[in-house]
Structure formats: C-alpha cells, structure tokens
PDB file of N, CA and C in Angstrom:
ATOM      1  N   UNK A   1       1.573  11.404 -23.599  1.00  0.00           N
ATOM      2  CA  UNK A   1       0.858  11.004 -22.408  1.00  0.00           C
ATOM      3  C   UNK A   1      -0.635  11.052 -22.717  1.00  0.00           C
ATOM      4  N   UNK A   2      -1.342  10.008 -22.323  1.00  0.00           N
ATOM      5  CA  UNK A   2      -2.778   9.932 -22.552  1.00  0.00           C
ATOM      6  C   UNK A   2      -3.512  10.832 -21.567  1.00  0.00           C
ATOM      7  N   UNK A   3      -4.606  11.399 -22.038  1.00  0.00           N
ATOM      8  CA  UNK A   3      -5.429  12.222 -21.158  1.00  0.00           C
ATOM      9  C   UNK A   3      -6.529  11.362 -20.573  1.00  0.00           C
ATOM     10  N   UNK A   4      -6.787  11.563 -19.312  1.00  0.00           N
ATOM     11  CA  UNK A   4      -7.821  10.815 -18.607  1.00  0.00           C
ATOM     12  C   UNK A   4      -8.792  11.816 -17.999  1.00  0.00           C
ATOM     13  N   UNK A   5     -10.063  11.544 -18.168  1.00  0.00           N
ATOM     14  CA  UNK A   5     -11.093  12.382 -17.560  1.00  0.00           C
ATOM     15  C   UNK A   5     -11.713  11.631 -16.398  1.00  0.00           C
ATOM     16  N   UNK A   6     -11.984  12.354 -15.341  1.00  0.00           N
ATOM     17  CA  UNK A   6     -12.614  11.730 -14.176  1.00  0.00           C
ATOM     18  C   UNK A   6     -13.438  12.773 -13.440  1.00  0.00           C
ATOM     19  N   UNK A   7     -14.520  12.321 -12.858  1.00  0.00           N
ATOM     20  CA  UNK A   7     -15.332  13.193 -12.013  1.00  0.00           C
ATOM     21  C   UNK A   7     -14.855  13.018 -10.576  1.00  0.00           C
ATOM     22  N   UNK A   8     -14.543  14.122  -9.935  1.00  0.00           N
ATOM     23  CA  UNK A   8     -14.075  14.078  -8.548  1.00  0.00           C
ATOM     24  C   UNK A   8     -15.172  14.589  -7.624  1.00  0.00           C
ATOM     25  N   UNK A   9     -15.294  13.974  -6.459  1.00  0.00           N
ATOM     26  CA  UNK A   9     -16.226  14.535  -5.473  1.00  0.00           C
ATOM     27  C   UNK A   9     -15.788  15.962  -5.124  1.00  0.00           C
ATOM     28  N   UNK A  10     -16.750  16.811  -4.845  1.00  0.00           N
ATOM     29  CA  UNK A  10     -16.467  18.220  -4.568  1.00  0.00           C
ATOM     30  C   UNK A  10     -15.477  18.397  -3.429  1.00  0.00           C
ATOM     31  N   UNK A  11     -15.620  17.614  -2.362  1.00  0.00           N
ATOM     32  CA  UNK A  11     -14.709  17.774  -1.222  1.00  0.00           C
ATOM     33  C   UNK A  11     -13.280  17.388  -1.586  1.00  0.00           C
ATOM     34  N   UNK A  12     -13.112  16.351  -2.401  1.00  0.00           N
ATOM     35  CA  UNK A  12     -11.771  15.951  -2.835  1.00  0.00           C
ATOM     36  C   UNK A  12     -11.166  17.029  -3.725  1.00  0.00           C
ATOM     37  N   UNK A  13     -11.952  17.569  -4.637  1.00  0.00           N
ATOM     38  CA  UNK A  13     -11.464  18.632  -5.520  1.00  0.00           C
ATOM     39  C   UNK A  13     -11.025  19.837  -4.690  1.00  0.00           C
ATOM     40  N   UNK A  14     -11.831  20.204  -3.713  1.00  0.00           N
ATOM     41  CA  UNK A  14     -11.491  21.350  -2.856  1.00  0.00           C
ATOM     42  C   UNK A  14     -10.188  21.118  -2.104  1.00  0.00           C
ATOM     43  N   UNK A  15     -10.000  19.899  -1.579  1.00  0.00           N
ATOM     44  CA  UNK A  15      -8.746  19.582  -0.868  1.00  0.00           C
ATOM     45  C   UNK A  15      -7.553  19.660  -1.808  1.00  0.00           C
ATOM     46  N   UNK A  16      -7.715  19.151  -3.046  1.00  0.00           N
ATOM     47  CA  UNK A  16      -6.606  19.203  -4.006  1.00  0.00           C
ATOM     48  C   UNK A  16      -6.275  20.642  -4.382  1.00  0.00           C
ATOM     49  N   UNK A  17      -7.290  21.477  -4.545  1.00  0.00           N
ATOM     50  CA  UNK A  17      -7.059  22.891  -4.855  1.00  0.00           C
ATOM     51  C   UNK A  17      -6.309  23.553  -3.705  1.00  0.00           C
ATOM     52  N   UNK A  18      -6.738  23.281  -2.472  1.00  0.00           N
ATOM     53  CA  UNK A  18      -6.057  23.863  -1.303  1.00  0.00           C
ATOM     54  C   UNK A  18      -4.607  23.399  -1.219  1.00  0.00           C
ATOM     55  N   UNK A  19      -4.375  22.091  -1.412  1.00  0.00           N
ATOM     56  CA  UNK A  19      -3.003  21.560  -1.364  1.00  0.00           C
ATOM     57  C   UNK A  19      -2.150  22.159  -2.474  1.00  0.00           C
ATOM     58  N   UNK A  20      -2.731  22.340  -3.652  1.00  0.00           N
ATOM     59  CA  UNK A  20      -1.991  22.916  -4.776  1.00  0.00           C
ATOM     60  C   UNK A  20      -1.582  24.351  -4.466  1.00  0.00           C
ATOM     61  N   UNK A  21      -2.486  25.115  -3.886  1.00  0.00           N
ATOM     62  CA  UNK A  21      -2.162  26.506  -3.533  1.00  0.00           C
ATOM     63  C   UNK A  21      -1.048  26.564  -2.496  1.00  0.00           C
ATOM     64  N   UNK A  22      -1.141  25.690  -1.481  1.00  0.00           N
ATOM     65  CA  UNK A  22      -0.122  25.678  -0.431  1.00  0.00           C
ATOM     66  C   UNK A  22       1.245  25.295  -0.981  1.00  0.00           C
ATOM     67  N   UNK A  23       1.273  24.388  -1.953  1.00  0.00           N
ATOM     68  CA  UNK A  23       2.542  23.913  -2.510  1.00  0.00           C
ATOM     69  C   UNK A  23       2.961  24.709  -3.741  1.00  0.00           C
ATOM     70  N   UNK A  24       2.155  25.713  -4.120  1.00  0.00           N
ATOM     71  CA  UNK A  24       2.429  26.537  -5.301  1.00  0.00           C
ATOM     72  C   UNK A  24       2.580  25.669  -6.552  1.00  0.00           C
ATOM     73  N   UNK A  25       1.623  24.741  -6.724  1.00  0.00           N
ATOM     74  CA  UNK A  25       1.589  23.867  -7.896  1.00  0.00           C
ATOM     75  C   UNK A  25       0.234  24.010  -8.567  1.00  0.00           C
ATOM     76  N   UNK A  26       0.142  23.486  -9.790  1.00  0.00           N
ATOM     77  CA  UNK A  26      -1.149  23.451 -10.471  1.00  0.00           C
ATOM     78  C   UNK A  26      -1.991  22.331  -9.875  1.00  0.00           C
ATOM     79  N   UNK A  27      -3.293  22.400 -10.096  1.00  0.00           N
ATOM     80  CA  UNK A  27      -4.179  21.348  -9.589  1.00  0.00           C
ATOM     81  C   UNK A  27      -3.850  20.024 -10.260  1.00  0.00           C
ATOM     82  N   UNK A  28      -3.524  20.049 -11.550  1.00  0.00           N
ATOM     83  CA  UNK A  28      -3.186  18.792 -12.235  1.00  0.00           C
ATOM     84  C   UNK A  28      -1.905  18.191 -11.658  1.00  0.00           C
ATOM     85  N   UNK A  29      -0.936  19.023 -11.304  1.00  0.00           N
ATOM     86  CA  UNK A  29       0.291  18.509 -10.680  1.00  0.00           C
ATOM     87  C   UNK A  29      -0.030  17.919  -9.313  1.00  0.00           C
ATOM     88  N   UNK A  30      -0.893  18.575  -8.566  1.00  0.00           N
ATOM     89  CA  UNK A  30      -1.273  18.064  -7.247  1.00  0.00           C
ATOM     90  C   UNK A  30      -2.039  16.757  -7.379  1.00  0.00           C
ATOM     91  N   UNK A  31      -2.851  16.629  -8.410  1.00  0.00           N
ATOM     92  CA  UNK A  31      -3.575  15.379  -8.655  1.00  0.00           C
ATOM     93  C   UNK A  31      -2.596  14.254  -8.963  1.00  0.00           C
ATOM     94  N   UNK A  32      -1.582  14.535  -9.769  1.00  0.00           N
ATOM     95  CA  UNK A  32      -0.561  13.516 -10.064  1.00  0.00           C
ATOM     96  C   UNK A  32       0.165  13.092  -8.789  1.00  0.00           C
ATOM     97  N   UNK A  33       0.480  14.044  -7.924  1.00  0.00           N
ATOM     98  CA  UNK A  33       1.144  13.726  -6.658  1.00  0.00           C
ATOM     99  C   UNK A  33       0.237  12.838  -5.804  1.00  0.00           C
ATOM    100  N   UNK A  34      -1.039  13.183  -5.720  1.00  0.00           N
ATOM    101  CA  UNK A  34      -1.980  12.398  -4.908  1.00  0.00           C
ATOM    102  C   UNK A  34      -2.122  10.979  -5.447  1.00  0.00           C
ATOM    103  N   UNK A  35      -2.179  10.838  -6.766  1.00  0.00           N
ATOM    104  CA  UNK A  35      -2.274   9.502  -7.370  1.00  0.00           C
ATOM    105  C   UNK A  35      -1.008   8.716  -7.086  1.00  0.00           C
ATOM    106  N   UNK A  36       0.148   9.350  -7.244  1.00  0.00           N
ATOM    107  CA  UNK A  36       1.427   8.670  -6.989  1.00  0.00           C
ATOM    108  C   UNK A  36       1.511   8.213  -5.532  1.00  0.00           C
ATOM    109  N   UNK A  37       1.090   9.068  -4.597  1.00  0.00           N
ATOM    110  CA  UNK A  37       1.103   8.694  -3.178  1.00  0.00           C
ATOM    111  C   UNK A  37       0.181   7.506  -2.923  1.00  0.00           C
ATOM    112  N   UNK A  38      -0.977   7.517  -3.569  1.00  0.00           N
ATOM    113  CA  UNK A  38      -1.926   6.410  -3.392  1.00  0.00           C
ATOM    114  C   UNK A  38      -1.350   5.109  -3.931  1.00  0.00           C
ATOM    115  N   UNK A  39      -0.773   5.149  -5.123  1.00  0.00           N
ATOM    116  CA  UNK A  39      -0.202   3.948  -5.735  1.00  0.00           C
ATOM    117  C   UNK A  39       0.971   3.441  -4.905  1.00  0.00           C
ATOM    118  N   UNK A  40       1.820   4.339  -4.449  1.00  0.00           N
ATOM    119  CA  UNK A  40       2.978   3.937  -3.643  1.00  0.00           C
ATOM    120  C   UNK A  40       2.560   3.307  -2.314  1.00  0.00           C
ATOM    121  N   UNK A  41       1.393   3.664  -1.808  1.00  0.00           N
ATOM    122  CA  UNK A  41       0.928   3.130  -0.529  1.00  0.00           C
ATOM    123  C   UNK A  41       0.344   1.724  -0.662  1.00  0.00           C
ATOM    124  N   UNK A  42       0.097   1.276  -1.889  1.00  0.00           N
ATOM    125  CA  UNK A  42      -0.493  -0.044  -2.100  1.00  0.00           C
ATOM    126  C   UNK A  42       0.585  -1.118  -1.978  1.00  0.00           C
ATOM    127  N   UNK A  43       0.227  -2.287  -1.434  1.00  0.00           N
ATOM    128  CA  UNK A  43       1.195  -3.387  -1.379  1.00  0.00           C
ATOM    129  C   UNK A  43       1.609  -3.790  -2.797  1.00  0.00           C
ATOM    130  N   UNK A  44       2.856  -4.159  -2.951  1.00  0.00           N
ATOM    131  CA  UNK A  44       3.390  -4.473  -4.279  1.00  0.00           C
ATOM    132  C   UNK A  44       2.719  -5.674  -4.913  1.00  0.00           C
ATOM    133  N   UNK A  45       2.273  -6.615  -4.107  1.00  0.00           N
ATOM    134  CA  UNK A  45       1.690  -7.826  -4.667  1.00  0.00           C
ATOM    135  C   UNK A  45       0.177  -7.893  -4.468  1.00  0.00           C
ATOM    136  N   UNK A  46      -0.456  -6.764  -4.296  1.00  0.00           N
ATOM    137  CA  UNK A  46      -1.905  -6.750  -4.075  1.00  0.00           C
ATOM    138  C   UNK A  46      -2.642  -7.172  -5.334  1.00  0.00           C
ATOM    139  N   UNK A  47      -3.682  -7.942  -5.146  1.00  0.00           N
ATOM    140  CA  UNK A  47      -4.506  -8.328  -6.280  1.00  0.00           C
ATOM    141  C   UNK A  47      -5.469  -7.191  -6.573  1.00  0.00           C
ATOM    142  N   UNK A  48      -5.535  -6.801  -7.834  1.00  0.00           N
ATOM    143  CA  UNK A  48      -6.475  -5.750  -8.188  1.00  0.00           C
ATOM    144  C   UNK A  48      -7.862  -6.318  -8.423  1.00  0.00           C
ATOM    145  N   UNK A  49      -7.942  -7.587  -8.793  1.00  0.00           N
ATOM    146  CA  UNK A  49      -9.221  -8.251  -9.014  1.00  0.00           C
ATOM    147  C   UNK A  49      -9.201  -9.576  -8.269  1.00  0.00           C
ATOM    148  N   UNK A  50      -9.597  -9.571  -7.008  1.00  0.00           N
ATOM    149  CA  UNK A  50      -9.549 -10.819  -6.239  1.00  0.00           C
ATOM    150  C   UNK A  50     -10.428 -11.894  -6.875  1.00  0.00           C
ATOM    151  N   UNK A  51      -9.943 -13.093  -6.835  1.00  0.00           N
ATOM    152  CA  UNK A  51     -10.708 -14.204  -7.391  1.00  0.00           C
ATOM    153  C   UNK A  51     -11.519 -14.846  -6.282  1.00  0.00           C
ATOM    154  N   UNK A  52     -12.611 -15.459  -6.671  1.00  0.00           N
ATOM    155  CA  UNK A  52     -13.422 -16.168  -5.688  1.00  0.00           C
ATOM    156  C   UNK A  52     -13.069 -17.637  -5.751  1.00  0.00           C
ATOM    157  N   UNK A  53     -13.025 -18.260  -4.600  1.00  0.00           N
ATOM    158  CA  UNK A  53     -12.690 -19.684  -4.540  1.00  0.00           C
ATOM    159  C   UNK A  53     -13.978 -20.495  -4.528  1.00  0.00           C
ATOM    160  N   UNK A  54     -13.970 -21.567  -5.283  1.00  0.00           N
ATOM    161  CA  UNK A  54     -15.123 -22.457  -5.304  1.00  0.00           C
ATOM    162  C   UNK A  54     -15.046 -23.391  -4.110  1.00  0.00           C
ATOM    163  N   UNK A  55     -16.183 -23.621  -3.487  1.00  0.00           N
ATOM    164  CA  UNK A  55     -16.236 -24.556  -2.362  1.00  0.00           C
ATOM    165  C   UNK A  55     -16.073 -25.970  -2.881  1.00  0.00           C
ATOM    166  N   UNK A  56     -15.255 -26.759  -2.208  1.00  0.00           N
ATOM    167  CA  UNK A  56     -15.054 -28.154  -2.639  1.00  0.00           C
ATOM    168  C   UNK A  56     -15.610 -29.119  -1.636  1.00  0.00           C
TER     169      UNK A  56
END
C-alpha cells in the first residue's frame, strides 16, 4: 500500500482524533473510514474534472 502525506486543518484533525477515541480505533483507521465515507457519498458517474463547453 502506498503512503500518502497530507496536511489536515486543525479542526478536522481534532474531529478525527475524537471519533477515533470514541470508536477505539487509531487515527489512521479513522481517516480511512472518513475517506471511504466521502468516496461512497459521491455519485458514481460524477466528473472529477468537468470540461468547459465552447460557445458556438
């Protein structure tokens, strides 16, 4: 598994730490859960890079 580094806003980090403690999980496990929830909430056919249409 590849390692990814990211800077998190302090408030988001604090929420993840709190959620991890409540669920008795590590912060990295809680981060994976949060990412999975976010990805699952996205529409299956959503464009990640919307294209611009040229005026005709």
